Amino acid sequence: MKPAALRTVFWLLFAAFLAWDYNASPPVDLRWELAPIAAGSGQATQGGHCSMPE
C-alpha cells in the first residue's frame, strides 16, 4: 500500500475509534472533578475526584 493510502486508513480508523469512544462513554460530571488551578484559591485539598462520594 502507498504511504498516502496508509495515512488515510489510519485517520479513518482513528476517527471511527473516537466516535465510538464518545458514544460508548458515560458523560463527565464536571461538578465532581477537581478545579484545574486551585492553588491559593482557598479550596481545601482533601483528595482527588475519585475520593468523592457517589
N, C-alpha and C. Protein backbone atom coordinates (compact mmCIF):
# COMPACT_ATOMS: atom_id res chain seq x y z
N MET A 1 0.84 -1.18 0.00
CA MET A 1 0.00 0.00 0.00
C MET A 1 0.88 1.24 0.00
N LYS A 2 0.41 2.28 -0.61
CA LYS A 2 1.16 3.54 -0.67
C LYS A 2 1.05 4.27 0.67
N PRO A 3 2.05 5.09 1.00
CA PRO A 3 2.00 5.82 2.27
C PRO A 3 0.76 6.70 2.42
N ALA A 4 0.31 7.31 1.34
CA ALA A 4 -0.88 8.17 1.43
C ALA A 4 -2.12 7.35 1.77
N ALA A 5 -2.22 6.16 1.20
CA ALA A 5 -3.37 5.30 1.50
C ALA A 5 -3.31 4.81 2.94
N LEU A 6 -2.13 4.45 3.43
CA LEU A 6 -1.99 4.03 4.82
C LEU A 6 -2.35 5.15 5.77
N ARG A 7 -1.93 6.36 5.43
CA ARG A 7 -2.24 7.52 6.26
C ARG A 7 -3.75 7.75 6.30
N THR A 8 -4.40 7.62 5.17
CA THR A 8 -5.86 7.80 5.11
C THR A 8 -6.58 6.73 5.92
N VAL A 9 -6.15 5.49 5.80
CA VAL A 9 -6.75 4.40 6.57
C VAL A 9 -6.56 4.64 8.06
N PHE A 10 -5.37 5.05 8.45
CA PHE A 10 -5.10 5.34 9.87
C PHE A 10 -6.06 6.40 10.40
N TRP A 11 -6.19 7.52 9.69
CA TRP A 11 -7.04 8.61 10.19
C TRP A 11 -8.52 8.22 10.20
N LEU A 12 -8.95 7.42 9.24
CA LEU A 12 -10.34 6.96 9.24
C LEU A 12 -10.60 6.05 10.44
N LEU A 13 -9.67 5.13 10.71
CA LEU A 13 -9.83 4.25 11.87
C LEU A 13 -9.76 5.04 13.18
N PHE A 14 -8.87 6.01 13.23
CA PHE A 14 -8.75 6.84 14.42
C PHE A 14 -10.03 7.64 14.67
N ALA A 15 -10.58 8.22 13.62
CA ALA A 15 -11.83 8.98 13.75
C ALA A 15 -12.98 8.07 14.16
N ALA A 16 -13.01 6.86 13.61
CA ALA A 16 -14.06 5.90 13.98
C ALA A 16 -13.92 5.50 15.44
N PHE A 17 -12.69 5.31 15.91
CA PHE A 17 -12.48 4.98 17.32
C PHE A 17 -12.93 6.12 18.22
N LEU A 18 -12.59 7.35 17.88
CA LEU A 18 -13.01 8.49 18.69
C LEU A 18 -14.53 8.61 18.74
N ALA A 19 -15.20 8.40 17.61
CA ALA A 19 -16.66 8.46 17.58
C ALA A 19 -17.27 7.37 18.44
N TRP A 20 -16.72 6.15 18.35
CA TRP A 20 -17.21 5.04 19.17
C TRP A 20 -17.00 5.34 20.66
N ASP A 21 -15.81 5.83 21.01
CA ASP A 21 -15.49 6.10 22.41
C ASP A 21 -16.38 7.19 22.97
N TYR A 22 -16.65 8.22 22.18
CA TYR A 22 -17.52 9.31 22.62
C TYR A 22 -18.94 8.80 22.88
N ASN A 23 -19.43 7.93 22.02
CA ASN A 23 -20.79 7.40 22.18
C ASN A 23 -20.87 6.34 23.27
N ALA A 24 -19.81 5.59 23.51
CA ALA A 24 -19.84 4.50 24.47
C ALA A 24 -19.55 4.96 25.90
N SER A 25 -18.91 6.11 26.08
CA SER A 25 -18.52 6.57 27.41
C SER A 25 -19.65 7.33 28.08
N PRO A 26 -19.74 7.20 29.41
CA PRO A 26 -20.74 8.00 30.12
C PRO A 26 -20.31 9.46 30.13
N PRO A 27 -21.27 10.37 30.22
CA PRO A 27 -20.89 11.79 30.24
C PRO A 27 -20.09 12.14 31.50
N VAL A 28 -19.22 13.11 31.38
CA VAL A 28 -18.39 13.53 32.50
C VAL A 28 -19.18 14.51 33.36
N ASP A 29 -19.23 14.25 34.65
CA ASP A 29 -19.89 15.15 35.59
C ASP A 29 -18.84 16.12 36.12
N LEU A 30 -18.82 17.33 35.59
CA LEU A 30 -17.78 18.28 35.93
C LEU A 30 -17.87 18.79 37.36
N ARG A 31 -19.02 18.61 38.02
CA ARG A 31 -19.13 19.06 39.42
C ARG A 31 -18.21 18.26 40.32
N TRP A 32 -17.93 17.01 39.97
CA TRP A 32 -17.11 16.16 40.83
C TRP A 32 -15.64 16.17 40.44
N GLU A 33 -15.26 16.91 39.41
CA GLU A 33 -13.86 16.99 39.01
C GLU A 33 -13.16 18.09 39.81
N LEU A 34 -11.86 17.92 39.99
CA LEU A 34 -11.07 18.95 40.66
C LEU A 34 -10.95 20.19 39.79
N ALA A 35 -10.80 21.31 40.42
CA ALA A 35 -10.55 22.53 39.66
C ALA A 35 -9.16 22.44 39.04
N PRO A 36 -8.99 22.88 37.78
CA PRO A 36 -7.68 22.77 37.14
C PRO A 36 -6.60 23.54 37.89
N ILE A 37 -6.94 24.70 38.40
CA ILE A 37 -5.97 25.51 39.14
C ILE A 37 -6.63 25.89 40.47
N ALA A 38 -6.22 25.24 41.54
CA ALA A 38 -6.82 25.52 42.84
C ALA A 38 -5.81 26.09 43.82
N ALA A 39 -4.59 26.34 43.38
CA ALA A 39 -3.56 26.85 44.27
C ALA A 39 -3.89 28.27 44.73
N GLY A 40 -3.98 28.44 46.02
CA GLY A 40 -4.23 29.77 46.57
C GLY A 40 -5.67 30.22 46.48
N SER A 41 -6.57 29.35 46.06
CA SER A 41 -7.97 29.76 45.92
C SER A 41 -8.76 29.56 47.20
N GLY A 42 -8.13 28.98 48.21
CA GLY A 42 -8.83 28.75 49.46
C GLY A 42 -9.53 27.41 49.51
N GLN A 43 -9.49 26.65 48.42
CA GLN A 43 -10.14 25.35 48.43
C GLN A 43 -9.25 24.35 49.16
N ALA A 44 -9.83 23.59 50.07
CA ALA A 44 -9.08 22.58 50.80
C ALA A 44 -8.79 21.40 49.88
N THR A 45 -7.59 20.88 49.97
CA THR A 45 -7.24 19.71 49.19
C THR A 45 -7.40 18.48 50.07
N GLN A 46 -8.50 17.75 49.85
CA GLN A 46 -8.81 16.59 50.68
C GLN A 46 -8.74 15.31 49.89
N GLY A 47 -8.32 15.36 48.67
CA GLY A 47 -8.26 14.15 47.87
C GLY A 47 -8.69 14.45 46.45
N GLY A 48 -8.52 13.47 45.62
CA GLY A 48 -8.88 13.61 44.22
C GLY A 48 -10.34 13.36 43.96
N HIS A 49 -10.72 13.45 42.70
CA HIS A 49 -12.13 13.26 42.34
C HIS A 49 -12.60 11.84 42.61
N CYS A 50 -11.67 10.89 42.69
CA CYS A 50 -12.09 9.50 42.92
C CYS A 50 -12.44 9.26 44.38
N SER A 51 -12.14 10.21 45.28
CA SER A 51 -12.48 10.04 46.69
C SER A 51 -13.83 10.68 47.03
N MET A 52 -14.48 11.28 46.05
CA MET A 52 -15.78 11.91 46.29
C MET A 52 -16.87 10.84 46.41
N PRO A 53 -17.89 11.09 47.20
CA PRO A 53 -18.98 10.11 47.30
C PRO A 53 -19.77 10.05 46.00
N GLU A 54 -20.34 8.91 45.75
CA GLU A 54 -21.14 8.76 44.51
C GLU A 54 -22.57 9.10 44.73
